[in-house]
Amino acid sequence: MTKDFILQVMNPLLTDLPAQEALDRIRQFAEEEAESRLLLLVIMSHGRKESIVFLDRNVTVQEIIDALNVTVSQPKVRLLLWSASTQEVR
């Protein structure tokens, strides 16, 4: 077992982003970390069934997964932790 685990944090607090900007930042993060063996993305937001509420529209979980999979140069573990309340957004 190696001990060369490095934790990189991408802007730990991004709030009130339009959907396209959030997807672009996720895609950029995945590209920058293309050589790492593990990619972890944590999203906490409001949500609906199979989607996450961003500032201007809902984004499906599949859209986020697609943004994470933008570059696949080698096998990699990709984890998406998603916590979304389903209460009415005001």
N, C-alpha and C. Protein backbone atom coordinates (compact mmCIF):
# COMPACT_ATOMS: atom_id res chain seq x y z
N MET A 1 0.84 -1.18 0.00
CA MET A 1 0.00 0.00 0.00
C MET A 1 0.89 1.24 0.00
N THR A 2 0.64 2.15 -0.91
CA THR A 2 1.44 3.37 -0.97
C THR A 2 0.84 4.43 -0.07
N LYS A 3 1.68 5.37 0.31
CA LYS A 3 1.23 6.46 1.17
C LYS A 3 1.33 7.79 0.44
N ASP A 4 1.20 7.77 -0.87
CA ASP A 4 1.34 8.98 -1.66
C ASP A 4 -0.02 9.60 -1.98
N PHE A 5 -0.91 9.54 -1.02
CA PHE A 5 -2.25 10.09 -1.21
C PHE A 5 -2.19 11.61 -1.05
N ILE A 6 -2.66 12.32 -2.04
CA ILE A 6 -2.67 13.78 -2.01
C ILE A 6 -4.11 14.24 -2.16
N LEU A 7 -4.52 15.12 -1.28
CA LEU A 7 -5.88 15.66 -1.33
C LEU A 7 -5.83 17.05 -1.94
N GLN A 8 -6.56 17.22 -3.03
CA GLN A 8 -6.66 18.53 -3.64
C GLN A 8 -8.11 18.98 -3.53
N VAL A 9 -8.30 20.21 -3.15
CA VAL A 9 -9.64 20.75 -2.99
C VAL A 9 -9.88 21.78 -4.07
N MET A 10 -10.97 21.58 -4.80
CA MET A 10 -11.35 22.54 -5.83
C MET A 10 -12.35 23.51 -5.23
N ASN A 11 -11.96 24.74 -5.04
CA ASN A 11 -12.87 25.76 -4.53
C ASN A 11 -13.89 25.16 -3.56
N PRO A 12 -13.51 24.97 -2.33
CA PRO A 12 -14.36 24.22 -1.41
C PRO A 12 -15.75 24.80 -1.20
N LEU A 13 -15.96 26.05 -1.54
CA LEU A 13 -17.29 26.61 -1.35
C LEU A 13 -17.68 27.41 -2.58
N LEU A 14 -18.49 26.81 -3.43
CA LEU A 14 -19.01 27.50 -4.61
C LEU A 14 -20.51 27.60 -4.41
N THR A 15 -21.03 28.79 -4.37
CA THR A 15 -22.45 28.95 -4.10
C THR A 15 -23.13 29.74 -5.20
N ASP A 16 -24.39 29.46 -5.37
CA ASP A 16 -25.25 30.21 -6.29
C ASP A 16 -24.68 30.33 -7.70
N LEU A 17 -24.27 29.20 -8.26
CA LEU A 17 -23.73 29.20 -9.61
C LEU A 17 -24.82 28.88 -10.63
N PRO A 18 -24.76 29.51 -11.80
CA PRO A 18 -25.61 29.06 -12.89
C PRO A 18 -25.18 27.65 -13.30
N ALA A 19 -26.08 26.90 -13.85
CA ALA A 19 -25.83 25.50 -14.18
C ALA A 19 -24.63 25.33 -15.11
N GLN A 20 -24.54 26.11 -16.16
CA GLN A 20 -23.45 25.94 -17.12
C GLN A 20 -22.10 26.24 -16.49
N GLU A 21 -22.03 27.26 -15.64
CA GLU A 21 -20.77 27.58 -14.98
C GLU A 21 -20.35 26.44 -14.04
N ALA A 22 -21.30 25.86 -13.33
CA ALA A 22 -20.99 24.73 -12.44
C ALA A 22 -20.48 23.54 -13.25
N LEU A 23 -21.15 23.22 -14.35
CA LEU A 23 -20.70 22.10 -15.20
C LEU A 23 -19.33 22.38 -15.80
N ASP A 24 -19.09 23.62 -16.20
CA ASP A 24 -17.77 23.99 -16.74
C ASP A 24 -16.68 23.81 -15.70
N ARG A 25 -16.96 24.21 -14.45
CA ARG A 25 -15.97 24.07 -13.38
C ARG A 25 -15.73 22.62 -13.04
N ILE A 26 -16.77 21.79 -13.07
CA ILE A 26 -16.60 20.36 -12.83
C ILE A 26 -15.74 19.75 -13.93
N ARG A 27 -16.03 20.10 -15.18
CA ARG A 27 -15.27 19.61 -16.33
C ARG A 27 -13.79 20.04 -16.22
N GLN A 28 -13.57 21.30 -15.86
CA GLN A 28 -12.20 21.82 -15.71
C GLN A 28 -11.47 21.06 -14.60
N PHE A 29 -12.15 20.82 -13.49
CA PHE A 29 -11.56 20.07 -12.38
C PHE A 29 -11.17 18.67 -12.84
N ALA A 30 -12.05 18.00 -13.58
CA ALA A 30 -11.75 16.64 -14.08
C ALA A 30 -10.56 16.66 -15.02
N GLU A 31 -10.46 17.68 -15.88
CA GLU A 31 -9.33 17.79 -16.80
C GLU A 31 -8.02 18.03 -16.06
N GLU A 32 -8.06 18.91 -15.06
CA GLU A 32 -6.85 19.23 -14.30
C GLU A 32 -6.35 18.02 -13.50
N GLU A 33 -7.26 17.18 -13.10
CA GLU A 33 -6.91 16.01 -12.28
C GLU A 33 -6.90 14.73 -13.12
N ALA A 34 -6.68 14.84 -14.41
CA ALA A 34 -6.74 13.69 -15.32
C ALA A 34 -5.76 12.59 -14.96
N GLU A 35 -4.63 12.94 -14.37
CA GLU A 35 -3.62 11.93 -14.05
C GLU A 35 -3.77 11.35 -12.65
N SER A 36 -4.67 11.88 -11.85
CA SER A 36 -4.84 11.34 -10.49
C SER A 36 -5.60 10.02 -10.55
N ARG A 37 -5.43 9.22 -9.52
CA ARG A 37 -6.09 7.91 -9.49
C ARG A 37 -7.47 7.96 -8.89
N LEU A 38 -7.79 9.03 -8.17
CA LEU A 38 -9.08 9.16 -7.50
C LEU A 38 -9.60 10.56 -7.69
N LEU A 39 -10.86 10.66 -8.03
CA LEU A 39 -11.51 11.96 -8.17
C LEU A 39 -12.77 11.93 -7.33
N LEU A 40 -12.89 12.87 -6.41
CA LEU A 40 -14.04 12.94 -5.51
C LEU A 40 -14.71 14.29 -5.67
N LEU A 41 -16.00 14.29 -5.95
CA LEU A 41 -16.77 15.52 -6.07
C LEU A 41 -17.93 15.43 -5.08
N VAL A 42 -18.05 16.45 -4.24
CA VAL A 42 -19.13 16.50 -3.26
C VAL A 42 -20.02 17.68 -3.61
N ILE A 43 -21.31 17.43 -3.75
CA ILE A 43 -22.28 18.49 -4.04
C ILE A 43 -23.36 18.45 -2.97
N MET A 44 -23.60 19.60 -2.38
CA MET A 44 -24.68 19.74 -1.41
C MET A 44 -25.57 20.88 -1.92
N SER A 45 -26.82 20.57 -2.15
CA SER A 45 -27.72 21.55 -2.75
C SER A 45 -29.15 21.13 -2.50
N HIS A 46 -30.06 21.87 -3.08
CA HIS A 46 -31.45 21.43 -3.15
C HIS A 46 -31.55 20.52 -4.37
N GLY A 47 -32.58 19.70 -4.39
CA GLY A 47 -32.69 18.80 -5.52
C GLY A 47 -34.11 18.35 -5.79
N ARG A 48 -34.25 17.72 -6.89
CA ARG A 48 -35.49 17.07 -7.32
C ARG A 48 -35.10 15.64 -7.67
N LYS A 49 -36.05 14.86 -8.11
CA LYS A 49 -35.76 13.49 -8.46
C LYS A 49 -34.71 13.46 -9.57
N GLU A 50 -33.55 12.89 -9.27
CA GLU A 50 -32.44 12.71 -10.20
C GLU A 50 -31.89 14.02 -10.78
N SER A 51 -32.06 15.13 -10.07
CA SER A 51 -31.47 16.38 -10.53
C SER A 51 -31.10 17.25 -9.34
N ILE A 52 -30.20 18.18 -9.61
CA ILE A 52 -29.70 19.11 -8.59
C ILE A 52 -30.09 20.52 -9.03
N VAL A 53 -30.55 21.31 -8.08
CA VAL A 53 -30.99 22.67 -8.38
C VAL A 53 -29.79 23.61 -8.36
N PHE A 54 -29.56 24.27 -9.49
CA PHE A 54 -28.57 25.33 -9.56
C PHE A 54 -29.31 26.65 -9.71
N LEU A 55 -28.58 27.73 -9.85
CA LEU A 55 -29.18 29.05 -9.82
C LEU A 55 -30.25 29.25 -10.89
N ASP A 56 -30.00 28.76 -12.10
CA ASP A 56 -30.92 29.05 -13.20
C ASP A 56 -31.71 27.86 -13.72
N ARG A 57 -31.28 26.64 -13.38
CA ARG A 57 -32.02 25.46 -13.85
C ARG A 57 -31.55 24.23 -13.08
N ASN A 58 -32.30 23.16 -13.23
CA ASN A 58 -31.92 21.88 -12.65
C ASN A 58 -30.93 21.18 -13.58
N VAL A 59 -29.98 20.47 -12.98
CA VAL A 59 -28.99 19.72 -13.73
C VAL A 59 -29.16 18.26 -13.33
N THR A 60 -29.24 17.38 -14.32
CA THR A 60 -29.40 15.96 -14.00
C THR A 60 -28.08 15.40 -13.48
N VAL A 61 -28.21 14.35 -12.71
CA VAL A 61 -27.02 13.67 -12.20
C VAL A 61 -26.18 13.16 -13.38
N GLN A 62 -26.84 12.72 -14.45
CA GLN A 62 -26.11 12.24 -15.63
C GLN A 62 -25.25 13.34 -16.24
N GLU A 63 -25.74 14.59 -16.26
CA GLU A 63 -24.95 15.71 -16.79
C GLU A 63 -23.67 15.90 -15.96
N ILE A 64 -23.79 15.74 -14.66
CA ILE A 64 -22.63 15.89 -13.79
C ILE A 64 -21.65 14.75 -14.02
N ILE A 65 -22.15 13.53 -14.14
CA ILE A 65 -21.30 12.38 -14.41
C ILE A 65 -20.58 12.56 -15.74
N ASP A 66 -21.30 13.03 -16.75
CA ASP A 66 -20.68 13.28 -18.06
C ASP A 66 -19.56 14.32 -17.95
N ALA A 67 -19.77 15.36 -17.15
CA ALA A 67 -18.74 16.38 -16.96
C ALA A 67 -17.51 15.79 -16.26
N LEU A 68 -17.71 14.89 -15.32
CA LEU A 68 -16.59 14.23 -14.64
C LEU A 68 -15.83 13.29 -15.56
N ASN A 69 -16.50 12.73 -16.53
CA ASN A 69 -15.90 11.75 -17.43
C ASN A 69 -15.35 12.37 -18.70
N VAL A 70 -15.07 13.66 -18.68
CA VAL A 70 -14.63 14.36 -19.88
C VAL A 70 -13.30 13.81 -20.42
N THR A 71 -12.43 13.39 -19.54
CA THR A 71 -11.16 12.81 -19.97
C THR A 71 -10.96 11.49 -19.25
N VAL A 72 -10.74 10.46 -20.00
CA VAL A 72 -10.48 9.15 -19.40
C VAL A 72 -9.21 8.60 -20.04
N SER A 73 -8.07 9.03 -19.50
CA SER A 73 -6.79 8.58 -20.06
C SER A 73 -6.32 7.28 -19.42
N GLN A 74 -6.84 6.99 -18.23
CA GLN A 74 -6.48 5.77 -17.53
C GLN A 74 -7.61 5.41 -16.58
N PRO A 75 -7.66 4.15 -16.15
CA PRO A 75 -8.70 3.77 -15.20
C PRO A 75 -8.60 4.63 -13.94
N LYS A 76 -9.73 5.07 -13.46
CA LYS A 76 -9.75 5.97 -12.32
C LYS A 76 -11.01 5.73 -11.51
N VAL A 77 -10.87 5.87 -10.21
CA VAL A 77 -12.04 5.81 -9.34
C VAL A 77 -12.62 7.21 -9.28
N ARG A 78 -13.89 7.33 -9.60
CA ARG A 78 -14.58 8.62 -9.54
C ARG A 78 -15.75 8.48 -8.60
N LEU A 79 -15.80 9.34 -7.61
CA LEU A 79 -16.86 9.28 -6.63
C LEU A 79 -17.65 10.59 -6.66
N LEU A 80 -18.94 10.47 -6.68
CA LEU A 80 -19.83 11.63 -6.61
C LEU A 80 -20.68 11.46 -5.36
N LEU A 81 -20.50 12.34 -4.40
CA LEU A 81 -21.33 12.35 -3.21
C LEU A 81 -22.30 13.51 -3.36
N TRP A 82 -23.57 13.20 -3.31
CA TRP A 82 -24.59 14.18 -3.59
C TRP A 82 -25.59 14.19 -2.45
N SER A 83 -25.73 15.33 -1.82
CA SER A 83 -26.71 15.50 -0.75
C SER A 83 -27.62 16.64 -1.17
N ALA A 84 -28.89 16.32 -1.36
CA ALA A 84 -29.83 17.34 -1.83
C ALA A 84 -31.13 17.24 -1.06
N SER A 85 -31.52 18.34 -0.46
CA SER A 85 -32.81 18.37 0.22
C SER A 85 -33.89 18.53 -0.83
N THR A 86 -35.04 18.01 -0.54
CA THR A 86 -36.14 18.09 -1.51
C THR A 86 -37.19 19.10 -1.09
N GLN A 87 -36.85 19.95 -0.13
CA GLN A 87 -37.79 20.97 0.28
C GLN A 87 -37.95 22.00 -0.84
N GLU A 88 -39.06 22.69 -0.80
CA GLU A 88 -39.33 23.72 -1.81
C GLU A 88 -38.29 24.82 -1.74
N VAL A 89 -37.72 25.17 -2.87
CA VAL A 89 -36.73 26.24 -2.95
C VAL A 89 -37.48 27.54 -3.16
N ARG A 90 -37.14 28.54 -2.38
CA ARG A 90 -37.82 29.85 -2.50
C ARG A 90 -36.92 30.87 -3.11
